[in-house]
Amino acid sequence: MIDNLKITKGIKLIISLLIFITILQSCKGQSEKPNYNPKAIEFNNKAVQLMQQMEYDSALILFYKAIEIDKNYYLPYSNMAEIYLIRKQFDKALQASDKVVEIKPDLAEGWTFAGMLYDRQGDTLTAKKYYNKSIEIFDTRINNPEKKKDLTANRLNRAISLILLGQEAEGKDELEKLKTENPDDLKIDEFLKINKQDYIRQLIDNK
């Protein structure tokens, strides 16, 4: 069976950096998986392989084919955003990220990521709207008993969104609470050390 949740190594590193339960985890956490077109999934996965070989132009062609077949399949847009980030084509990365949240508006992490791109481009007003939207969705998840197994991840992601929004004290306070509850989680220590600009620089500029 084709793995329709396949994403590139670079995106996995980004997720690892910020513990964003992004495209991959959002689908895994649903009781019903979206019914994407198998051919679109095939094109996406072949494109991912090309990305791993740094054949970005060929990968983009296949991502576009996947989108043409299934306009509700948002993973190609996420992967395209990574190519544009690698190429420092931030406007195109932002367009692709906006398509992700347009297609899947309940993806809180997608709003956070797009917000960071808006911040990177200097549009702080839109960035704040996106961060607030992500926090709203995280709050809904946190209060949903059916998502209890993802509670820590959602609280962590919400704390990051708060920091990005400029509410660093509140965000860091939540991280401190999470550290108290999860004393062996060393990643939380790293998050406590960095600020908003560090997040954006590491995620967007890969520095």
N, C-alpha and C. Protein backbone atom coordinates (compact mmCIF):
# COMPACT_ATOMS: atom_id res chain seq x y z
N MET A 1 0.85 -1.20 0.00
CA MET A 1 0.00 0.00 0.00
C MET A 1 0.87 1.25 0.00
N ILE A 2 0.53 2.20 -0.83
CA ILE A 2 1.31 3.43 -0.92
C ILE A 2 1.12 4.25 0.33
N ASP A 3 2.22 4.78 0.86
CA ASP A 3 2.14 5.61 2.05
C ASP A 3 1.80 7.03 1.65
N ASN A 4 0.54 7.41 1.83
CA ASN A 4 0.11 8.74 1.40
C ASN A 4 0.53 9.83 2.37
N LEU A 5 1.25 9.46 3.43
CA LEU A 5 1.71 10.46 4.39
C LEU A 5 3.21 10.68 4.28
N LYS A 6 3.78 10.22 3.18
CA LYS A 6 5.22 10.32 3.02
C LYS A 6 5.64 11.77 2.83
N ILE A 7 6.65 12.20 3.58
CA ILE A 7 7.15 13.55 3.43
C ILE A 7 8.67 13.50 3.38
N THR A 8 9.28 14.59 3.03
CA THR A 8 10.71 14.60 2.80
C THR A 8 11.51 14.66 4.09
N LYS A 9 12.78 14.31 3.98
CA LYS A 9 13.66 14.34 5.13
C LYS A 9 13.76 15.74 5.71
N GLY A 10 13.80 16.73 4.82
CA GLY A 10 13.91 18.10 5.30
C GLY A 10 12.73 18.52 6.14
N ILE A 11 11.53 18.16 5.68
CA ILE A 11 10.33 18.49 6.44
C ILE A 11 10.35 17.76 7.78
N LYS A 12 10.83 16.51 7.79
CA LYS A 12 10.91 15.77 9.05
C LYS A 12 11.84 16.48 10.03
N LEU A 13 12.93 17.05 9.51
CA LEU A 13 13.85 17.78 10.37
C LEU A 13 13.19 19.02 10.94
N ILE A 14 12.39 19.69 10.12
CA ILE A 14 11.67 20.87 10.59
C ILE A 14 10.69 20.47 11.69
N ILE A 15 9.98 19.39 11.46
CA ILE A 15 9.02 18.93 12.47
C ILE A 15 9.75 18.56 13.75
N SER A 16 10.89 17.89 13.61
CA SER A 16 11.67 17.50 14.78
C SER A 16 12.12 18.73 15.56
N LEU A 17 12.50 19.78 14.83
CA LEU A 17 12.99 21.00 15.47
C LEU A 17 11.95 21.63 16.36
N LEU A 18 10.74 21.75 15.89
CA LEU A 18 9.71 22.47 16.63
C LEU A 18 8.61 21.58 17.20
N ILE A 19 8.74 20.27 17.05
CA ILE A 19 7.72 19.34 17.51
C ILE A 19 6.36 19.70 16.92
N PHE A 20 6.38 20.20 15.71
CA PHE A 20 5.12 20.46 15.04
C PHE A 20 4.53 19.13 14.60
N ILE A 21 3.33 18.83 15.05
CA ILE A 21 2.64 17.64 14.57
C ILE A 21 1.92 18.08 13.30
N THR A 22 2.67 18.22 12.23
CA THR A 22 2.16 18.84 11.03
C THR A 22 1.35 17.88 10.19
N ILE A 23 1.55 17.93 8.92
CA ILE A 23 0.73 17.18 8.00
C ILE A 23 0.67 15.70 8.37
N LEU A 24 1.81 15.14 8.66
CA LEU A 24 1.88 13.72 8.98
C LEU A 24 1.03 13.37 10.18
N GLN A 25 1.24 14.05 11.29
CA GLN A 25 0.56 13.71 12.52
C GLN A 25 -0.91 14.08 12.49
N SER A 26 -1.25 15.14 11.78
CA SER A 26 -2.65 15.56 11.75
C SER A 26 -3.52 14.49 11.12
N CYS A 27 -3.00 13.85 10.11
CA CYS A 27 -3.76 12.78 9.46
C CYS A 27 -3.82 11.54 10.35
N LYS A 28 -2.72 11.22 10.99
CA LYS A 28 -2.69 10.04 11.84
C LYS A 28 -3.67 10.17 12.99
N GLY A 29 -3.89 11.39 13.45
CA GLY A 29 -4.72 11.59 14.62
C GLY A 29 -6.21 11.60 14.32
N GLN A 30 -6.60 11.51 13.07
CA GLN A 30 -8.00 11.56 12.73
C GLN A 30 -8.61 10.17 12.77
N SER A 31 -9.87 10.11 13.14
CA SER A 31 -10.56 8.83 13.17
C SER A 31 -10.84 8.32 11.77
N GLU A 32 -10.98 9.24 10.82
CA GLU A 32 -11.20 8.86 9.44
C GLU A 32 -10.15 9.54 8.57
N LYS A 33 -9.39 8.74 7.81
CA LYS A 33 -8.38 9.32 6.94
C LYS A 33 -9.03 9.90 5.69
N PRO A 34 -8.52 11.03 5.23
CA PRO A 34 -9.05 11.59 3.99
C PRO A 34 -8.85 10.60 2.84
N ASN A 35 -9.80 10.57 1.95
CA ASN A 35 -9.74 9.63 0.83
C ASN A 35 -9.11 10.31 -0.37
N TYR A 36 -7.78 10.36 -0.38
CA TYR A 36 -7.08 11.01 -1.47
C TYR A 36 -6.99 10.08 -2.68
N ASN A 37 -6.88 10.69 -3.85
CA ASN A 37 -6.77 9.93 -5.08
C ASN A 37 -5.45 9.15 -5.10
N PRO A 38 -5.49 7.84 -5.31
CA PRO A 38 -4.26 7.02 -5.28
C PRO A 38 -3.20 7.49 -6.27
N LYS A 39 -3.63 7.96 -7.43
CA LYS A 39 -2.67 8.42 -8.43
C LYS A 39 -1.97 9.69 -7.96
N ALA A 40 -2.72 10.56 -7.30
CA ALA A 40 -2.13 11.77 -6.75
C ALA A 40 -1.11 11.42 -5.67
N ILE A 41 -1.44 10.44 -4.84
CA ILE A 41 -0.52 9.98 -3.81
C ILE A 41 0.75 9.43 -4.44
N GLU A 42 0.58 8.68 -5.51
CA GLU A 42 1.74 8.10 -6.20
C GLU A 42 2.65 9.19 -6.75
N PHE A 43 2.07 10.21 -7.37
CA PHE A 43 2.88 11.31 -7.90
C PHE A 43 3.60 12.04 -6.77
N ASN A 44 2.90 12.26 -5.65
CA ASN A 44 3.52 12.95 -4.52
C ASN A 44 4.71 12.17 -3.99
N ASN A 45 4.55 10.86 -3.85
CA ASN A 45 5.62 10.05 -3.29
C ASN A 45 6.82 9.95 -4.23
N LYS A 46 6.55 9.90 -5.52
CA LYS A 46 7.65 9.90 -6.49
C LYS A 46 8.39 11.24 -6.44
N ALA A 47 7.63 12.31 -6.28
CA ALA A 47 8.24 13.63 -6.19
C ALA A 47 9.11 13.75 -4.95
N VAL A 48 8.65 13.16 -3.84
CA VAL A 48 9.44 13.18 -2.61
C VAL A 48 10.79 12.49 -2.84
N GLN A 49 10.76 11.38 -3.55
CA GLN A 49 12.01 10.68 -3.85
C GLN A 49 12.95 11.56 -4.67
N LEU A 50 12.37 12.30 -5.61
CA LEU A 50 13.19 13.21 -6.42
C LEU A 50 13.75 14.34 -5.57
N MET A 51 12.97 14.81 -4.61
CA MET A 51 13.46 15.84 -3.70
C MET A 51 14.67 15.35 -2.91
N GLN A 52 14.60 14.10 -2.47
CA GLN A 52 15.70 13.53 -1.71
C GLN A 52 16.97 13.44 -2.55
N GLN A 53 16.79 13.40 -3.86
CA GLN A 53 17.93 13.38 -4.78
C GLN A 53 18.27 14.79 -5.28
N MET A 54 17.59 15.78 -4.69
CA MET A 54 17.78 17.20 -5.02
C MET A 54 17.43 17.51 -6.47
N GLU A 55 16.52 16.74 -7.04
CA GLU A 55 16.01 17.01 -8.39
C GLU A 55 14.71 17.80 -8.25
N TYR A 56 14.86 19.05 -7.86
CA TYR A 56 13.71 19.85 -7.45
C TYR A 56 12.77 20.21 -8.59
N ASP A 57 13.31 20.52 -9.75
CA ASP A 57 12.43 20.88 -10.88
C ASP A 57 11.53 19.71 -11.26
N SER A 58 12.11 18.52 -11.32
CA SER A 58 11.33 17.34 -11.66
C SER A 58 10.30 17.04 -10.58
N ALA A 59 10.69 17.27 -9.33
CA ALA A 59 9.76 17.04 -8.21
C ALA A 59 8.57 17.99 -8.31
N LEU A 60 8.83 19.24 -8.63
CA LEU A 60 7.74 20.21 -8.73
C LEU A 60 6.74 19.82 -9.81
N ILE A 61 7.24 19.29 -10.91
CA ILE A 61 6.34 18.86 -11.99
C ILE A 61 5.38 17.80 -11.48
N LEU A 62 5.90 16.84 -10.71
CA LEU A 62 5.04 15.77 -10.20
C LEU A 62 4.10 16.27 -9.11
N PHE A 63 4.56 17.21 -8.30
CA PHE A 63 3.66 17.77 -7.29
C PHE A 63 2.48 18.47 -7.97
N TYR A 64 2.76 19.20 -9.03
CA TYR A 64 1.68 19.88 -9.76
C TYR A 64 0.71 18.86 -10.37
N LYS A 65 1.25 17.75 -10.85
CA LYS A 65 0.39 16.70 -11.40
C LYS A 65 -0.51 16.12 -10.32
N ALA A 66 0.07 15.92 -9.13
CA ALA A 66 -0.72 15.39 -8.01
C ALA A 66 -1.87 16.34 -7.67
N ILE A 67 -1.58 17.63 -7.68
CA ILE A 67 -2.60 18.62 -7.36
C ILE A 67 -3.69 18.68 -8.43
N GLU A 68 -3.28 18.54 -9.69
CA GLU A 68 -4.25 18.55 -10.77
C GLU A 68 -5.24 17.39 -10.64
N ILE A 69 -4.74 16.26 -10.17
CA ILE A 69 -5.59 15.08 -10.03
C ILE A 69 -6.51 15.19 -8.82
N ASP A 70 -5.97 15.71 -7.71
CA ASP A 70 -6.75 15.80 -6.47
C ASP A 70 -6.48 17.15 -5.82
N LYS A 71 -7.39 18.07 -6.01
CA LYS A 71 -7.21 19.43 -5.49
C LYS A 71 -7.37 19.51 -3.98
N ASN A 72 -7.86 18.44 -3.36
CA ASN A 72 -8.00 18.41 -1.90
C ASN A 72 -6.81 17.76 -1.21
N TYR A 73 -5.83 17.36 -1.98
CA TYR A 73 -4.64 16.69 -1.44
C TYR A 73 -3.59 17.76 -1.15
N TYR A 74 -3.40 18.07 0.11
CA TYR A 74 -2.59 19.22 0.48
C TYR A 74 -1.11 18.91 0.72
N LEU A 75 -0.75 17.63 0.83
CA LEU A 75 0.66 17.30 1.06
C LEU A 75 1.59 17.82 -0.03
N PRO A 76 1.21 17.76 -1.31
CA PRO A 76 2.11 18.32 -2.33
C PRO A 76 2.44 19.79 -2.09
N TYR A 77 1.46 20.55 -1.63
CA TYR A 77 1.73 21.96 -1.35
C TYR A 77 2.76 22.10 -0.22
N SER A 78 2.65 21.26 0.80
CA SER A 78 3.60 21.30 1.90
C SER A 78 5.01 20.99 1.42
N ASN A 79 5.11 19.97 0.57
CA ASN A 79 6.43 19.60 0.05
C ASN A 79 6.98 20.65 -0.91
N MET A 80 6.09 21.26 -1.68
CA MET A 80 6.52 22.34 -2.57
C MET A 80 7.07 23.51 -1.76
N ALA A 81 6.44 23.78 -0.63
CA ALA A 81 6.90 24.88 0.23
C ALA A 81 8.34 24.65 0.65
N GLU A 82 8.69 23.38 0.92
CA GLU A 82 10.06 23.10 1.32
C GLU A 82 11.05 23.40 0.20
N ILE A 83 10.68 23.03 -1.02
CA ILE A 83 11.56 23.32 -2.15
C ILE A 83 11.79 24.82 -2.26
N TYR A 84 10.71 25.58 -2.14
CA TYR A 84 10.84 27.03 -2.25
C TYR A 84 11.66 27.62 -1.11
N LEU A 85 11.56 27.02 0.07
CA LEU A 85 12.40 27.48 1.18
C LEU A 85 13.86 27.20 0.91
N ILE A 86 14.14 26.02 0.38
CA ILE A 86 15.52 25.66 0.04
C ILE A 86 16.09 26.65 -0.96
N ARG A 87 15.24 27.07 -1.89
CA ARG A 87 15.67 28.00 -2.94
C ARG A 87 15.55 29.46 -2.51
N LYS A 88 15.14 29.68 -1.27
CA LYS A 88 14.95 31.04 -0.75
C LYS A 88 13.90 31.82 -1.53
N GLN A 89 12.94 31.10 -2.10
CA GLN A 89 11.83 31.73 -2.81
C GLN A 89 10.66 31.84 -1.82
N PHE A 90 10.77 32.81 -0.94
CA PHE A 90 9.86 32.89 0.19
C PHE A 90 8.43 33.22 -0.21
N ASP A 91 8.26 34.03 -1.25
CA ASP A 91 6.91 34.35 -1.71
C ASP A 91 6.18 33.09 -2.17
N LYS A 92 6.87 32.25 -2.92
CA LYS A 92 6.26 31.01 -3.41
C LYS A 92 6.02 30.04 -2.25
N ALA A 93 6.94 30.01 -1.30
CA ALA A 93 6.76 29.15 -0.13
C ALA A 93 5.51 29.57 0.63
N LEU A 94 5.31 30.87 0.72
CA LEU A 94 4.14 31.39 1.42
C LEU A 94 2.85 31.05 0.68
N GLN A 95 2.87 31.16 -0.64
CA GLN A 95 1.69 30.80 -1.43
C GLN A 95 1.33 29.34 -1.23
N ALA A 96 2.34 28.48 -1.24
CA ALA A 96 2.09 27.05 -1.05
C ALA A 96 1.56 26.77 0.36
N SER A 97 2.11 27.46 1.35
CA SER A 97 1.67 27.26 2.73
C SER A 97 0.25 27.76 2.94
N ASP A 98 -0.09 28.84 2.26
CA ASP A 98 -1.47 29.34 2.34
C ASP A 98 -2.46 28.35 1.73
N LYS A 99 -2.03 27.65 0.69
CA LYS A 99 -2.89 26.64 0.09
C LYS A 99 -3.14 25.49 1.07
N VAL A 100 -2.13 25.16 1.87
CA VAL A 100 -2.30 24.09 2.85
C VAL A 100 -3.44 24.42 3.80
N VAL A 101 -3.44 25.63 4.37
CA VAL A 101 -4.49 25.97 5.34
C VAL A 101 -5.82 26.28 4.65
N GLU A 102 -5.76 26.65 3.39
CA GLU A 102 -7.01 26.84 2.64
C GLU A 102 -7.72 25.50 2.46
N ILE A 103 -6.93 24.47 2.13
CA ILE A 103 -7.49 23.14 1.92
C ILE A 103 -7.82 22.46 3.24
N LYS A 104 -6.96 22.66 4.23
CA LYS A 104 -7.16 22.02 5.53
C LYS A 104 -7.12 23.07 6.64
N PRO A 105 -8.20 23.80 6.81
CA PRO A 105 -8.22 24.92 7.77
C PRO A 105 -8.14 24.50 9.23
N ASP A 106 -8.30 23.22 9.54
CA ASP A 106 -8.20 22.78 10.94
C ASP A 106 -6.79 22.36 11.31
N LEU A 107 -5.83 22.58 10.42
CA LEU A 107 -4.44 22.21 10.69
C LEU A 107 -3.75 23.37 11.39
N ALA A 108 -3.76 23.35 12.70
CA ALA A 108 -3.20 24.45 13.49
C ALA A 108 -1.74 24.71 13.14
N GLU A 109 -0.98 23.63 12.98
CA GLU A 109 0.44 23.78 12.69
C GLU A 109 0.68 24.46 11.35
N GLY A 110 -0.25 24.25 10.42
CA GLY A 110 -0.14 24.91 9.13
C GLY A 110 -0.29 26.42 9.26
N TRP A 111 -1.21 26.85 10.12
CA TRP A 111 -1.39 28.29 10.38
C TRP A 111 -0.14 28.87 11.03
N THR A 112 0.44 28.12 11.97
CA THR A 112 1.66 28.60 12.63
C THR A 112 2.79 28.76 11.62
N PHE A 113 2.96 27.74 10.79
CA PHE A 113 4.06 27.76 9.82
C PHE A 113 3.89 28.91 8.82
N ALA A 114 2.68 29.06 8.29
CA ALA A 114 2.43 30.16 7.36
C ALA A 114 2.62 31.51 8.05
N GLY A 115 2.22 31.58 9.32
CA GLY A 115 2.42 32.81 10.08
C GLY A 115 3.88 33.17 10.19
N MET A 116 4.72 32.17 10.37
CA MET A 116 6.16 32.42 10.45
C MET A 116 6.69 32.96 9.13
N LEU A 117 6.14 32.45 8.03
CA LEU A 117 6.55 32.95 6.73
C LEU A 117 6.12 34.41 6.54
N TYR A 118 4.91 34.72 6.99
CA TYR A 118 4.46 36.12 6.91
C TYR A 118 5.37 37.00 7.77
N ASP A 119 5.73 36.52 8.95
CA ASP A 119 6.65 37.26 9.81
C ASP A 119 7.97 37.47 9.09
N ARG A 120 8.46 36.43 8.47
CA ARG A 120 9.73 36.50 7.74
C ARG A 120 9.67 37.53 6.62
N GLN A 121 8.49 37.70 6.04
CA GLN A 121 8.32 38.66 4.95
C GLN A 121 7.95 40.06 5.44
N GLY A 122 7.82 40.22 6.75
CA GLY A 122 7.57 41.54 7.31
C GLY A 122 6.10 41.89 7.49
N ASP A 123 5.20 40.96 7.18
CA ASP A 123 3.76 41.21 7.34
C ASP A 123 3.34 40.71 8.72
N THR A 124 3.64 41.51 9.73
CA THR A 124 3.40 41.07 11.11
C THR A 124 1.91 41.01 11.46
N LEU A 125 1.10 41.87 10.83
CA LEU A 125 -0.33 41.86 11.13
C LEU A 125 -0.97 40.54 10.71
N THR A 126 -0.66 40.11 9.48
CA THR A 126 -1.20 38.83 9.02
C THR A 126 -0.63 37.68 9.84
N ALA A 127 0.65 37.78 10.17
CA ALA A 127 1.29 36.74 10.97
C ALA A 127 0.55 36.56 12.29
N LYS A 128 0.20 37.66 12.94
CA LYS A 128 -0.51 37.58 14.23
C LYS A 128 -1.88 36.93 14.06
N LYS A 129 -2.56 37.24 12.98
CA LYS A 129 -3.86 36.62 12.72
C LYS A 129 -3.71 35.11 12.59
N TYR A 130 -2.65 34.70 11.91
CA TYR A 130 -2.41 33.27 11.72
C TYR A 130 -2.04 32.59 13.03
N TYR A 131 -1.21 33.24 13.84
CA TYR A 131 -0.86 32.65 15.14
C TYR A 131 -2.09 32.52 16.02
N ASN A 132 -2.93 33.56 16.01
CA ASN A 132 -4.16 33.50 16.81
C ASN A 132 -5.07 32.37 16.34
N LYS A 133 -5.13 32.18 15.03
CA LYS A 133 -5.95 31.09 14.48
C LYS A 133 -5.41 29.74 14.95
N SER A 134 -4.10 29.59 14.94
CA SER A 134 -3.51 28.32 15.39
C SER A 134 -3.82 28.08 16.86
N ILE A 135 -3.72 29.12 17.68
CA ILE A 135 -4.00 28.98 19.11
C ILE A 135 -5.46 28.57 19.34
N GLU A 136 -6.35 29.16 18.56
CA GLU A 136 -7.77 28.81 18.65
C GLU A 136 -7.99 27.33 18.38
N ILE A 137 -7.31 26.81 17.36
CA ILE A 137 -7.46 25.39 17.02
C ILE A 137 -6.79 24.51 18.08
N PHE A 138 -5.63 24.93 18.56
CA PHE A 138 -4.97 24.17 19.62
C PHE A 138 -5.86 24.10 20.86
N ASP A 139 -6.51 25.21 21.21
CA ASP A 139 -7.41 25.22 22.37
C ASP A 139 -8.53 24.20 22.19
N THR A 140 -9.06 24.14 20.98
CA THR A 140 -10.13 23.17 20.71
C THR A 140 -9.63 21.75 20.89
N ARG A 141 -8.44 21.49 20.40
CA ARG A 141 -7.86 20.14 20.55
C ARG A 141 -7.62 19.82 22.02
N ILE A 142 -7.04 20.77 22.73
CA ILE A 142 -6.69 20.54 24.14
C ILE A 142 -7.93 20.23 24.97
N ASN A 143 -9.04 20.84 24.61
CA ASN A 143 -10.29 20.63 25.35
C ASN A 143 -11.10 19.45 24.84
N ASN A 144 -10.56 18.74 23.86
CA ASN A 144 -11.25 17.60 23.28
C ASN A 144 -10.75 16.30 23.93
N PRO A 145 -11.59 15.62 24.71
CA PRO A 145 -11.16 14.39 25.39
C PRO A 145 -10.65 13.31 24.43
N GLU A 146 -11.13 13.33 23.19
CA GLU A 146 -10.72 12.32 22.22
C GLU A 146 -9.29 12.53 21.75
N LYS A 147 -8.72 13.70 22.01
CA LYS A 147 -7.35 13.99 21.60
C LYS A 147 -6.40 14.02 22.79
N LYS A 148 -6.77 13.32 23.83
CA LYS A 148 -5.98 13.34 25.06
C LYS A 148 -4.56 12.83 24.84
N LYS A 149 -4.40 11.85 23.96
CA LYS A 149 -3.07 11.27 23.74
C LYS A 149 -2.11 12.29 23.11
N ASP A 150 -2.66 13.31 22.47
CA ASP A 150 -1.82 14.35 21.85
C ASP A 150 -1.79 15.62 22.69
N LEU A 151 -2.22 15.53 23.94
CA LEU A 151 -2.36 16.72 24.78
C LEU A 151 -1.03 17.46 24.96
N THR A 152 0.03 16.73 25.28
CA THR A 152 1.32 17.38 25.52
C THR A 152 1.82 18.07 24.26
N ALA A 153 1.71 17.39 23.12
CA ALA A 153 2.17 17.98 21.86
C ALA A 153 1.37 19.23 21.53
N ASN A 154 0.07 19.19 21.73
CA ASN A 154 -0.76 20.36 21.42
C ASN A 154 -0.47 21.52 22.37
N ARG A 155 -0.23 21.22 23.63
CA ARG A 155 0.13 22.28 24.58
C ARG A 155 1.49 22.89 24.22
N LEU A 156 2.41 22.04 23.80
CA LEU A 156 3.73 22.53 23.40
C LEU A 156 3.62 23.43 22.17
N ASN A 157 2.87 22.97 21.18
CA ASN A 157 2.71 23.76 19.96
C ASN A 157 1.98 25.07 20.24
N ARG A 158 1.01 25.02 21.14
CA ARG A 158 0.29 26.23 21.52
C ARG A 158 1.25 27.22 22.19
N ALA A 159 2.13 26.71 23.04
CA ALA A 159 3.11 27.57 23.71
C ALA A 159 4.02 28.25 22.69
N ILE A 160 4.41 27.50 21.67
CA ILE A 160 5.26 28.07 20.62
C ILE A 160 4.52 29.16 19.87
N SER A 161 3.24 28.92 19.57
CA SER A 161 2.44 29.94 18.88
C SER A 161 2.32 31.20 19.73
N LEU A 162 2.18 31.03 21.04
CA LEU A 162 2.11 32.19 21.93
C LEU A 162 3.40 32.99 21.88
N ILE A 163 4.53 32.30 21.88
CA ILE A 163 5.82 32.99 21.80
C ILE A 163 5.94 33.74 20.48
N LEU A 164 5.54 33.09 19.39
CA LEU A 164 5.59 33.74 18.09
C LEU A 164 4.65 34.94 18.02
N LEU A 165 3.54 34.86 18.74
CA LEU A 165 2.57 35.95 18.78
C LEU A 165 3.09 37.15 19.56
N GLY A 166 4.14 36.94 20.33
CA GLY A 166 4.70 38.02 21.14
C GLY A 166 4.36 37.89 22.61
N GLN A 167 3.61 36.85 22.95
CA GLN A 167 3.25 36.61 24.35
C GLN A 167 4.24 35.60 24.94
N GLU A 168 5.50 36.05 24.96
CA GLU A 168 6.58 35.13 25.34
C GLU A 168 6.47 34.67 26.79
N ALA A 169 6.08 35.56 27.69
CA ALA A 169 5.99 35.18 29.10
C ALA A 169 4.97 34.06 29.29
N GLU A 170 3.81 34.20 28.65
CA GLU A 170 2.77 33.17 28.77
C GLU A 170 3.22 31.87 28.12
N GLY A 171 3.87 31.98 26.97
CA GLY A 171 4.34 30.79 26.28
C GLY A 171 5.41 30.06 27.08
N LYS A 172 6.36 30.82 27.62
CA LYS A 172 7.43 30.21 28.42
C LYS A 172 6.87 29.61 29.71
N ASP A 173 5.86 30.25 30.27
CA ASP A 173 5.23 29.72 31.48
C ASP A 173 4.62 28.35 31.21
N GLU A 174 3.97 28.21 30.05
CA GLU A 174 3.39 26.92 29.69
C GLU A 174 4.49 25.87 29.47
N LEU A 175 5.59 26.29 28.86
CA LEU A 175 6.72 25.37 28.67
C LEU A 175 7.29 24.92 30.02
N GLU A 176 7.35 25.84 30.97
CA GLU A 176 7.84 25.49 32.31
C GLU A 176 6.92 24.45 32.96
N LYS A 177 5.61 24.63 32.78
CA LYS A 177 4.66 23.66 33.33
C LYS A 177 4.85 22.29 32.68
N LEU A 178 5.05 22.31 31.35
CA LEU A 178 5.26 21.05 30.64
C LEU A 178 6.54 20.37 31.10
N LYS A 179 7.56 21.17 31.38
CA LYS A 179 8.83 20.60 31.85
C LYS A 179 8.65 19.97 33.22
N THR A 180 7.87 20.61 34.08
CA THR A 180 7.61 20.06 35.41
C THR A 180 6.88 18.72 35.30
N GLU A 181 5.95 18.65 34.34
CA GLU A 181 5.18 17.43 34.14
C GLU A 181 5.96 16.36 33.38
N ASN A 182 6.96 16.80 32.60
CA ASN A 182 7.76 15.87 31.79
C ASN A 182 9.25 16.16 32.01
N PRO A 183 9.76 15.89 33.21
CA PRO A 183 11.13 16.28 33.56
C PRO A 183 12.21 15.63 32.70
N ASP A 184 11.90 14.50 32.07
CA ASP A 184 12.91 13.80 31.27
C ASP A 184 12.91 14.24 29.81
N ASP A 185 12.01 15.13 29.44
CA ASP A 185 11.93 15.58 28.06
C ASP A 185 12.92 16.73 27.85
N LEU A 186 14.08 16.40 27.30
CA LEU A 186 15.14 17.40 27.14
C LEU A 186 14.82 18.42 26.04
N LYS A 187 13.91 18.05 25.13
CA LYS A 187 13.57 19.00 24.06
C LYS A 187 12.95 20.28 24.63
N ILE A 188 12.17 20.11 25.69
CA ILE A 188 11.52 21.28 26.28
C ILE A 188 12.57 22.26 26.79
N ASP A 189 13.68 21.73 27.31
CA ASP A 189 14.77 22.60 27.77
C ASP A 189 15.28 23.48 26.63
N GLU A 190 15.38 22.88 25.43
CA GLU A 190 15.87 23.64 24.28
C GLU A 190 14.89 24.73 23.88
N PHE A 191 13.59 24.41 23.93
CA PHE A 191 12.58 25.40 23.58
C PHE A 191 12.60 26.58 24.55
N LEU A 192 12.92 26.29 25.80
CA LEU A 192 12.96 27.34 26.82
C LEU A 192 14.12 28.31 26.59
N LYS A 193 15.12 27.88 25.83
CA LYS A 193 16.31 28.71 25.63
C LYS A 193 16.16 29.71 24.48
N ILE A 194 15.21 29.46 23.57
CA ILE A 194 15.17 30.27 22.36
C ILE A 194 13.94 31.17 22.32
N ASN A 195 14.04 32.24 21.53
CA ASN A 195 12.96 33.20 21.43
C ASN A 195 12.33 33.17 20.04
N LYS A 196 11.43 34.11 19.79
CA LYS A 196 10.70 34.13 18.53
C LYS A 196 11.62 34.18 17.32
N GLN A 197 12.59 35.06 17.34
CA GLN A 197 13.48 35.20 16.19
C GLN A 197 14.29 33.94 15.96
N ASP A 198 14.63 33.24 17.04
CA ASP A 198 15.35 31.97 16.90
C ASP A 198 14.50 30.95 16.16
N TYR A 199 13.21 30.87 16.53
CA TYR A 199 12.30 29.94 15.86
C TYR A 199 12.24 30.22 14.37
N ILE A 200 12.02 31.49 14.03
CA ILE A 200 11.87 31.85 12.62
C ILE A 200 13.17 31.62 11.86
N ARG A 201 14.29 31.99 12.47
CA ARG A 201 15.57 31.83 11.79
C ARG A 201 15.88 30.35 11.55
N GLN A 202 15.64 29.51 12.54
CA GLN A 202 15.96 28.09 12.41
C GLN A 202 15.00 27.38 11.46
N LEU A 203 13.72 27.74 11.53
CA LEU A 203 12.74 27.05 10.70
C LEU A 203 12.74 27.55 9.26
N ILE A 204 12.70 28.86 9.09
CA ILE A 204 12.56 29.43 7.75
C ILE A 204 13.89 29.56 7.04
N ASP A 205 14.88 30.11 7.73
CA ASP A 205 16.17 30.34 7.09
C ASP A 205 17.13 29.18 7.27
N ASN A 206 16.73 28.21 8.13
CA ASN A 206 17.54 27.00 8.34
C ASN A 206 18.94 27.36 8.81
N LYS A 207 19.02 28.30 9.77
CA LYS A 207 20.32 28.73 10.29
C LYS A 207 20.45 28.30 11.74
